[in-house]
């Protein structure tokens, strides 16, 4: 997953004047440089705002999911355990977005340890979210198609072992991000910071000098997405076939929900994975992807698809929990209890008692 940087550029003219902001992104040959000023200006202006909106909605939605599951549900069941871990994964994924929003605006000024830590935590949430989403789909498939299977065992041991295994896989997949991402400083008068025209220090948090590992992580992300999408599409296709049988008493909303899950998963993560794959072809200098205009167009695609894909952490609570009748009832109960607790003291203090003992309400 490539988080585009927006911090510097080099623009040579006859008067050696500099413009801002743009980026020094790719070299073509020994002397030609592809300048991508317009796409970087777009990312600088739009991406931080979208990321902060995603953070707001994701934190509220996923925190409500965690609270309701812990307070009202039985966490020994596989479904609730996976839903809880999915919400935690989305929260961990969301944790990195404010840092990337800051990075888009000012470059990486938080130091090398923070660069490694944020990348590691962010990608741990990314991989665990996709895996828990896929496993939850498989569990639903088994519940509908093979309800008597041993996989449907409700023993708490199965919940814990499966969850721990998924987290271990996610942590291992995120290790290259922590090991090979680092901060690199450039000291030259030919670079200008996007927000400060007087500094000659540029700081990047990226796979500095490790292009092979950068490409490897890109293809690993593509592999995770393709595998998850194939499994999710297959499972929900079979589930739909089972639910649409004449003997099935399926509600129309259930069928619509299943279609929404598959369609939004593909529309959310599909374009972004195509974008990062095409971006890797630029690094290979494969024609025609080494053309500057085409490269900038891919960058636009990258920025827009990235915003759409990252917003999926906001949709998971809506699709998997909020649209469930059971969860809505728990949420209503929680809100009703909260409102009652807040209004009771006010009601008690809003009563006047006359000297003859008669009590009346002010409202």
Protein backbone atom coordinates (compact mmCIF):
# COMPACT_ATOMS: atom_id res chain seq x y z
CA UNK A 1 0.00 0.00 0.00
CA UNK A 2 1.61 3.23 -1.09
CA UNK A 3 0.89 6.33 0.98
CA UNK A 4 1.72 9.15 -1.38
CA UNK A 5 4.02 11.88 -0.04
CA UNK A 6 3.53 15.52 -0.91
CA UNK A 7 6.45 17.27 0.60
CA UNK A 8 8.94 18.26 -2.04
CA UNK A 9 9.71 18.92 -5.65
CA UNK A 10 12.43 20.05 -7.99
CA UNK A 11 11.52 22.33 -10.87
CA UNK A 12 14.27 23.69 -13.13
CA UNK A 13 13.57 26.76 -15.24
CA UNK A 14 15.68 29.33 -16.95
CA UNK A 15 15.37 31.62 -13.91
CA UNK A 16 15.76 28.79 -11.34
CA UNK A 17 12.52 29.83 -9.62
CA UNK A 18 10.54 27.30 -7.60
CA UNK A 19 6.84 26.64 -7.31
CA UNK A 20 4.97 24.90 -4.53
CA UNK A 21 3.62 22.33 -3.81
CA UNK A 22 4.56 19.34 -5.93
CA UNK A 23 6.83 16.33 -5.59
CA UNK A 24 9.96 14.72 -6.87
CA UNK A 25 8.43 11.32 -7.43
CA UNK A 26 10.09 9.41 -10.23
CA UNK A 27 13.26 9.79 -12.25
CA UNK A 28 13.23 9.01 -15.96
CA UNK A 29 16.70 8.44 -17.30
CA UNK A 30 19.64 10.31 -15.90
CA UNK A 31 18.40 13.86 -16.15
CA UNK A 32 14.67 13.93 -16.91
CA UNK A 33 12.39 14.31 -13.93
CA UNK A 34 8.65 13.81 -13.88
CA UNK A 35 7.05 16.71 -12.02
CA UNK A 36 3.55 15.99 -10.67
CA UNK A 37 2.51 19.32 -9.26
CA UNK A 38 -1.23 19.15 -9.97
CA UNK A 39 -1.85 15.68 -8.53
CA UNK A 40 0.13 16.53 -5.40
CA UNK A 41 -1.81 19.76 -4.88
CA UNK A 42 -5.02 17.76 -5.17
CA UNK A 43 -3.83 15.21 -2.60
CA UNK A 44 -2.60 17.89 -0.22
CA UNK A 45 -5.92 19.73 -0.26
CA UNK A 46 -8.41 16.85 -0.27
CA UNK A 47 -6.89 13.73 1.31
CA UNK A 48 -6.29 15.05 4.87
CA UNK A 49 -9.88 16.28 5.12
CA UNK A 50 -11.31 12.95 3.92
CA UNK A 51 -9.03 10.99 6.25
CA UNK A 52 -10.14 13.02 9.28
CA UNK A 53 -13.82 12.48 8.36
CA UNK A 54 -13.15 8.74 8.09
CA UNK A 55 -11.46 8.79 11.50
CA UNK A 56 -14.49 10.47 13.08
CA UNK A 57 -17.08 8.06 11.69
CA UNK A 58 -14.93 4.97 12.14
CA UNK A 59 -14.13 5.75 15.78
CA UNK A 60 -17.78 6.38 16.64
CA UNK A 61 -19.17 3.39 14.75
CA UNK A 62 -16.59 0.80 15.75
CA UNK A 63 -16.49 1.97 19.38
CA UNK A 64 -20.26 1.51 19.59
CA UNK A 65 -19.86 -1.98 18.13
CA UNK A 66 -17.23 -2.92 20.72
CA UNK A 67 -19.28 -1.47 23.58
CA UNK A 68 -22.52 -3.23 22.60
CA UNK A 69 -20.81 -6.58 21.98
CA UNK A 70 -18.94 -6.50 25.29
CA UNK A 71 -21.93 -5.31 27.32
CA UNK A 72 -24.85 -7.22 25.78
CA UNK A 73 -23.57 -10.14 23.71
CA UNK A 74 -22.07 -13.54 24.40
CA UNK A 75 -18.44 -13.36 23.31
CA UNK A 76 -18.07 -17.13 23.37
CA UNK A 77 -19.83 -17.42 20.01
CA UNK A 78 -17.74 -17.31 16.87
CA UNK A 79 -19.87 -14.65 15.20
CA UNK A 80 -19.64 -12.18 18.06
CA UNK A 81 -15.93 -12.87 18.52
CA UNK A 82 -15.22 -12.18 14.86
CA UNK A 83 -17.37 -9.05 14.90
CA UNK A 84 -15.51 -7.79 17.96
CA UNK A 85 -12.12 -8.45 16.39
CA UNK A 86 -13.23 -6.88 13.12
CA UNK A 87 -14.22 -3.70 14.98
CA UNK A 88 -10.88 -3.69 16.84
CA UNK A 89 -9.02 -4.17 13.55
CA UNK A 90 -10.84 -1.22 12.02
CA UNK A 91 -10.00 0.92 15.03
CA UNK A 92 -6.32 -0.04 14.77
CA UNK A 93 -6.42 0.73 11.04
CA UNK A 94 -8.06 4.08 11.81
CA UNK A 95 -5.29 4.91 14.28
CA UNK A 96 -2.84 5.49 11.44
CA UNK A 97 -5.01 7.80 9.35
CA UNK A 98 -4.39 11.02 11.35
CA UNK A 99 -0.65 10.46 10.93
CA UNK A 100 -1.01 10.00 7.18
CA UNK A 101 -3.18 13.13 7.01
CA UNK A 102 -0.38 15.03 8.77
CA UNK A 103 2.17 13.44 6.44
CA UNK A 104 0.32 14.67 3.37
CA UNK A 105 0.42 18.22 4.67
CA UNK A 106 3.84 18.55 6.31
CA UNK A 107 5.97 15.53 5.49
CA UNK A 108 7.25 13.16 8.19
CA UNK A 109 8.58 15.17 11.13
CA UNK A 110 7.88 12.62 13.88
CA UNK A 111 11.13 10.67 13.73
CA UNK A 112 12.21 7.24 12.52
CA UNK A 113 10.75 5.15 15.42
CA UNK A 114 7.32 6.72 14.87
CA UNK A 115 7.60 6.06 11.13
CA UNK A 116 8.19 2.36 11.74
CA UNK A 117 5.61 2.08 14.53
CA UNK A 118 2.79 3.83 12.66
CA UNK A 119 3.37 1.75 9.54
CA UNK A 120 3.42 -1.45 11.58
CA UNK A 121 0.23 -0.66 13.51
CA UNK A 122 -1.56 0.66 10.43
CA UNK A 123 -0.85 -2.41 8.28
CA UNK A 124 -1.59 -4.79 11.15
CA UNK A 125 -5.07 -3.28 11.25
CA UNK A 126 -5.30 -3.43 7.45
CA UNK A 127 -4.46 -7.12 7.14
CA UNK A 128 -6.41 -8.24 10.21
CA UNK A 129 -9.50 -6.36 9.00
CA UNK A 130 -9.48 -8.14 5.64
CA UNK A 131 -8.81 -11.54 7.21
CA UNK A 132 -11.54 -11.21 9.87
CA UNK A 133 -13.94 -10.00 7.17
CA UNK A 134 -13.15 -13.09 5.10
CA UNK A 135 -13.35 -15.50 8.05
CA UNK A 136 -16.66 -13.98 9.14
CA UNK A 137 -17.97 -14.58 5.62
CA UNK A 138 -16.82 -18.21 5.70
CA UNK A 139 -18.51 -18.63 9.07
CA UNK A 140 -21.79 -17.30 7.67
CA UNK A 141 -21.42 -19.60 4.69
CA UNK A 142 -21.02 -22.60 7.00
CA UNK A 143 -23.98 -21.50 9.11
CA UNK A 144 -26.29 -21.38 6.09
CA UNK A 145 -24.95 -24.15 3.85
CA UNK A 146 -23.51 -26.60 6.39
CA UNK A 147 -25.18 -25.78 9.73
CA UNK A 148 -24.34 -29.16 11.25
CA UNK A 149 -20.63 -28.98 10.45
CA UNK A 150 -18.06 -29.31 13.22
CA UNK A 151 -16.72 -25.92 12.11
CA UNK A 152 -19.86 -24.40 13.60
CA UNK A 153 -18.83 -25.48 17.07
CA UNK A 154 -19.50 -22.75 19.59
CA UNK A 155 -16.71 -23.69 21.98
CA UNK A 156 -14.89 -20.64 23.23
CA UNK A 157 -11.53 -22.34 22.61
CA UNK A 158 -12.17 -22.26 18.86
CA UNK A 159 -12.94 -18.53 19.05
CA UNK A 160 -9.75 -17.70 20.88
CA UNK A 161 -7.45 -19.93 18.82
CA UNK A 162 -8.82 -18.66 15.51
CA UNK A 163 -8.59 -15.02 16.58
CA UNK A 164 -5.04 -15.37 17.92
CA UNK A 165 -3.95 -17.11 14.71
CA UNK A 166 -5.39 -14.30 12.59
CA UNK A 167 -3.61 -11.66 14.67
CA UNK A 168 -0.31 -13.54 14.36
CA UNK A 169 -0.68 -13.68 10.57
CA UNK A 170 -1.49 -9.97 10.46
CA UNK A 171 1.47 -9.05 12.65
CA UNK A 172 3.84 -11.09 10.49
CA UNK A 173 2.46 -9.54 7.29
CA UNK A 174 3.10 -6.05 8.72
CA UNK A 175 6.70 -6.74 9.79
CA UNK A 176 8.26 -5.58 6.46
CA UNK A 177 6.54 -2.23 6.93
CA UNK A 178 8.26 -1.76 10.29
CA UNK A 179 11.62 -3.13 9.21
CA UNK A 180 12.16 -1.40 5.88
CA UNK A 181 10.24 1.88 6.23
CA UNK A 182 12.47 4.62 7.56
CA UNK A 183 12.94 8.37 7.49
CA UNK A 184 15.28 9.83 4.91
CA UNK A 185 16.44 13.44 4.95
CA UNK A 186 17.46 15.39 1.88
CA UNK A 187 19.67 18.44 2.32
CA UNK A 188 19.73 20.42 -0.89
CA UNK A 189 18.70 23.81 -2.17
CA UNK A 190 16.94 22.14 -5.09
CA UNK A 191 14.15 20.88 -2.84
CA UNK A 192 11.40 22.99 -1.34
CA UNK A 193 8.94 21.89 1.31
CA UNK A 194 5.29 22.12 0.32
CA UNK A 195 4.47 24.29 3.31
CA UNK A 196 7.76 26.13 3.86
CA UNK A 197 9.70 27.70 1.02
CA UNK A 198 12.69 28.51 3.23
CA UNK A 199 13.72 25.07 4.41
CA UNK A 200 16.12 22.76 2.61
CA UNK A 201 15.37 19.68 4.71
CA UNK A 202 12.96 17.11 3.27
CA UNK A 203 11.85 14.10 5.35
CA UNK A 204 10.16 11.05 3.89
CA UNK A 205 8.77 7.95 5.60
CA UNK A 206 8.99 5.25 2.97
CA UNK A 207 10.86 2.18 1.75
CA UNK A 208 14.04 4.20 1.39
CA UNK A 209 16.44 2.29 -0.86
CA UNK A 210 14.31 -0.85 -0.58
CA UNK A 211 12.36 -0.86 -3.85
CA UNK A 212 12.20 -4.67 -3.96
CA UNK A 213 10.54 -4.85 -0.54
CA UNK A 214 8.18 -2.07 -1.54
CA UNK A 215 7.11 -4.02 -4.60
CA UNK A 216 6.85 -7.22 -2.56
CA UNK A 217 4.48 -5.60 -0.06
CA UNK A 218 2.39 -4.20 -2.92
CA UNK A 219 1.96 -7.63 -4.48
CA UNK A 220 1.24 -9.14 -1.07
CA UNK A 221 -1.60 -6.64 -0.64
CA UNK A 222 -2.90 -7.55 -4.08
CA UNK A 223 -2.77 -11.23 -3.17
CA UNK A 224 -4.66 -10.67 0.08
CA UNK A 225 -7.37 -8.72 -1.75
CA UNK A 226 -7.79 -11.19 -4.61
CA UNK A 227 -7.92 -14.16 -2.24
CA UNK A 228 -10.40 -12.42 0.07
CA UNK A 229 -12.61 -11.27 -2.78
CA UNK A 230 -12.75 -14.73 -4.40
CA UNK A 231 -13.68 -16.35 -1.08
CA UNK A 232 -16.25 -13.68 -0.19
CA UNK A 233 -17.83 -13.70 -3.67
CA UNK A 234 -18.04 -17.50 -3.70
CA UNK A 235 -19.52 -17.75 -0.21
CA UNK A 236 -22.17 -15.11 -0.76
CA UNK A 237 -23.06 -16.48 -4.19
CA UNK A 238 -23.78 -19.86 -2.63
CA UNK A 239 -25.62 -18.22 0.27
CA UNK A 240 -27.79 -16.25 -2.14
CA UNK A 241 -28.54 -19.40 -4.11
CA UNK A 242 -29.63 -21.12 -0.92
CA UNK A 243 -31.72 -18.19 0.34
CA UNK A 244 -33.47 -17.64 -2.98
CA UNK A 245 -34.88 -21.15 -3.11
CA UNK A 246 -38.68 -21.36 -3.23
CA UNK A 247 -38.71 -23.11 0.14
CA UNK A 248 -36.64 -20.42 1.78
CA UNK A 249 -38.39 -17.79 3.89
CA UNK A 250 -35.85 -15.10 3.21
CA UNK A 251 -36.56 -11.45 3.66
CA UNK A 252 -35.79 -9.15 0.78
CA UNK A 253 -33.60 -6.98 3.02
CA UNK A 254 -31.34 -9.96 3.74
CA UNK A 255 -30.67 -10.53 0.05
CA UNK A 256 -30.03 -6.81 -0.48
CA UNK A 257 -27.62 -6.70 2.45
CA UNK A 258 -25.60 -9.60 1.03
CA UNK A 259 -25.37 -7.92 -2.36
CA UNK A 260 -24.31 -4.64 -0.76
CA UNK A 261 -21.53 -6.38 1.18
CA UNK A 262 -19.99 -7.97 -1.91
CA UNK A 263 -20.45 -4.95 -4.19
CA UNK A 264 -19.06 -2.42 -1.72
CA UNK A 265 -16.12 -4.64 -0.81
CA UNK A 266 -15.18 -4.89 -4.48
CA UNK A 267 -15.85 -1.22 -5.31
CA UNK A 268 -14.02 -0.15 -2.15
CA UNK A 269 -10.82 -2.18 -2.40
CA UNK A 270 -10.79 -3.22 -6.08
CA UNK A 271 -9.85 0.12 -7.73
CA UNK A 272 -7.24 0.80 -5.06
CA UNK A 273 -5.54 -2.55 -5.59
CA UNK A 274 -5.50 -1.95 -9.34
CA UNK A 275 -3.96 1.48 -8.70
CA UNK A 276 -1.12 0.20 -6.51
CA UNK A 277 -0.45 -2.57 -9.04
CA UNK A 278 -0.17 -0.05 -11.89
CA UNK A 279 2.02 2.10 -9.67
CA UNK A 280 4.39 -0.85 -9.27
CA UNK A 281 4.70 -1.05 -13.07
CA UNK A 282 5.98 2.53 -13.01
CA UNK A 283 8.72 1.44 -10.64
CA UNK A 284 9.64 -1.32 -13.11
CA UNK A 285 9.86 1.40 -15.79
CA UNK A 286 7.58 -0.61 -18.06
CA UNK A 287 6.36 1.27 -21.12
CA UNK A 288 3.96 3.10 -21.40
CA UNK A 289 3.72 3.46 -17.60
CA UNK A 290 6.95 5.46 -17.49
CA UNK A 291 5.22 8.26 -19.37
CA UNK A 292 4.88 11.28 -17.08
CA UNK A 293 1.28 12.15 -17.96
CA UNK A 294 0.11 8.57 -17.53
CA UNK A 295 2.03 8.34 -14.25
CA UNK A 296 0.28 11.44 -12.92
CA UNK A 297 -3.10 10.05 -14.01
CA UNK A 298 -2.36 6.90 -12.03
CA UNK A 299 -1.50 9.09 -9.05
CA UNK A 300 -4.92 10.76 -9.28
CA UNK A 301 -6.49 7.32 -9.40
CA UNK A 302 -4.37 6.31 -6.43
CA UNK A 303 -5.47 9.26 -4.30
CA UNK A 304 -9.19 8.91 -5.04
CA UNK A 305 -9.31 5.10 -4.76
CA UNK A 306 -7.29 5.27 -1.54
CA UNK A 307 -9.86 7.56 0.07
CA UNK A 308 -12.69 5.25 -1.02
CA UNK A 309 -10.89 2.09 0.14
CA UNK A 310 -9.92 3.47 3.53
CA UNK A 311 -13.53 4.53 4.17
CA UNK A 312 -14.46 0.84 4.23
CA UNK A 313 -13.60 0.79 7.94
CA UNK A 314 -16.62 3.08 8.43
CA UNK A 315 -18.93 0.77 6.46
CA UNK A 316 -18.12 -2.45 8.31
CA UNK A 317 -20.14 -1.45 11.41
CA UNK A 318 -23.07 -0.48 9.18
CA UNK A 319 -23.08 -3.65 7.10
CA UNK A 320 -22.27 -6.23 9.73
CA UNK A 321 -23.85 -4.87 12.87
CA UNK A 322 -25.95 -1.74 12.58
CA UNK A 323 -28.29 -3.32 10.03
CA UNK A 324 -28.97 -6.25 12.36
CA UNK A 325 -32.22 -6.11 14.31
CA UNK A 326 -30.59 -7.54 17.42
CA UNK A 327 -27.86 -4.91 17.50
CA UNK A 328 -30.30 -2.08 16.88
CA UNK A 329 -32.34 -3.23 19.86
CA UNK A 330 -29.23 -3.25 22.04
CA UNK A 331 -28.28 0.20 20.78
CA UNK A 332 -31.75 1.57 21.52
CA UNK A 333 -31.63 0.05 24.98
CA UNK A 334 -28.21 1.58 25.65
CA UNK A 335 -29.30 5.03 24.45
CA UNK A 336 -32.53 4.83 26.43
CA UNK A 337 -30.61 3.90 29.58
CA UNK A 338 -28.14 6.72 29.01
CA UNK A 339 -30.88 9.29 28.46
CA UNK A 340 -32.83 8.08 31.50
CA UNK A 341 -29.78 8.31 33.74
CA UNK A 342 -29.09 11.84 32.54
CA UNK A 343 -32.67 13.07 32.94
CA UNK A 344 -33.45 11.53 36.34
CA UNK A 345 -31.32 13.96 38.40
CA UNK A 346 -32.78 16.86 36.48
CA UNK A 347 -36.29 15.61 37.18
CA UNK A 348 -35.55 15.22 40.86
CA UNK A 349 -34.17 18.75 41.05
CA UNK A 350 -37.03 20.20 39.07
CA UNK A 351 -39.65 19.68 41.74
CA UNK A 352 -40.85 22.35 44.16
CA UNK A 353 -42.36 21.53 47.54
CA UNK A 354 -44.60 24.06 49.16
CA UNK A 355 -44.74 24.58 52.92
CA UNK A 356 -48.02 22.64 53.11
CA UNK A 357 -46.32 19.58 51.71
CA UNK A 358 -47.81 19.79 48.23
CA UNK A 359 -45.34 18.81 45.50
CA UNK A 360 -45.55 20.03 41.93
CA UNK A 361 -43.33 19.63 38.90
CA UNK A 362 -41.78 22.56 37.08
CA UNK A 363 -42.33 20.81 33.72
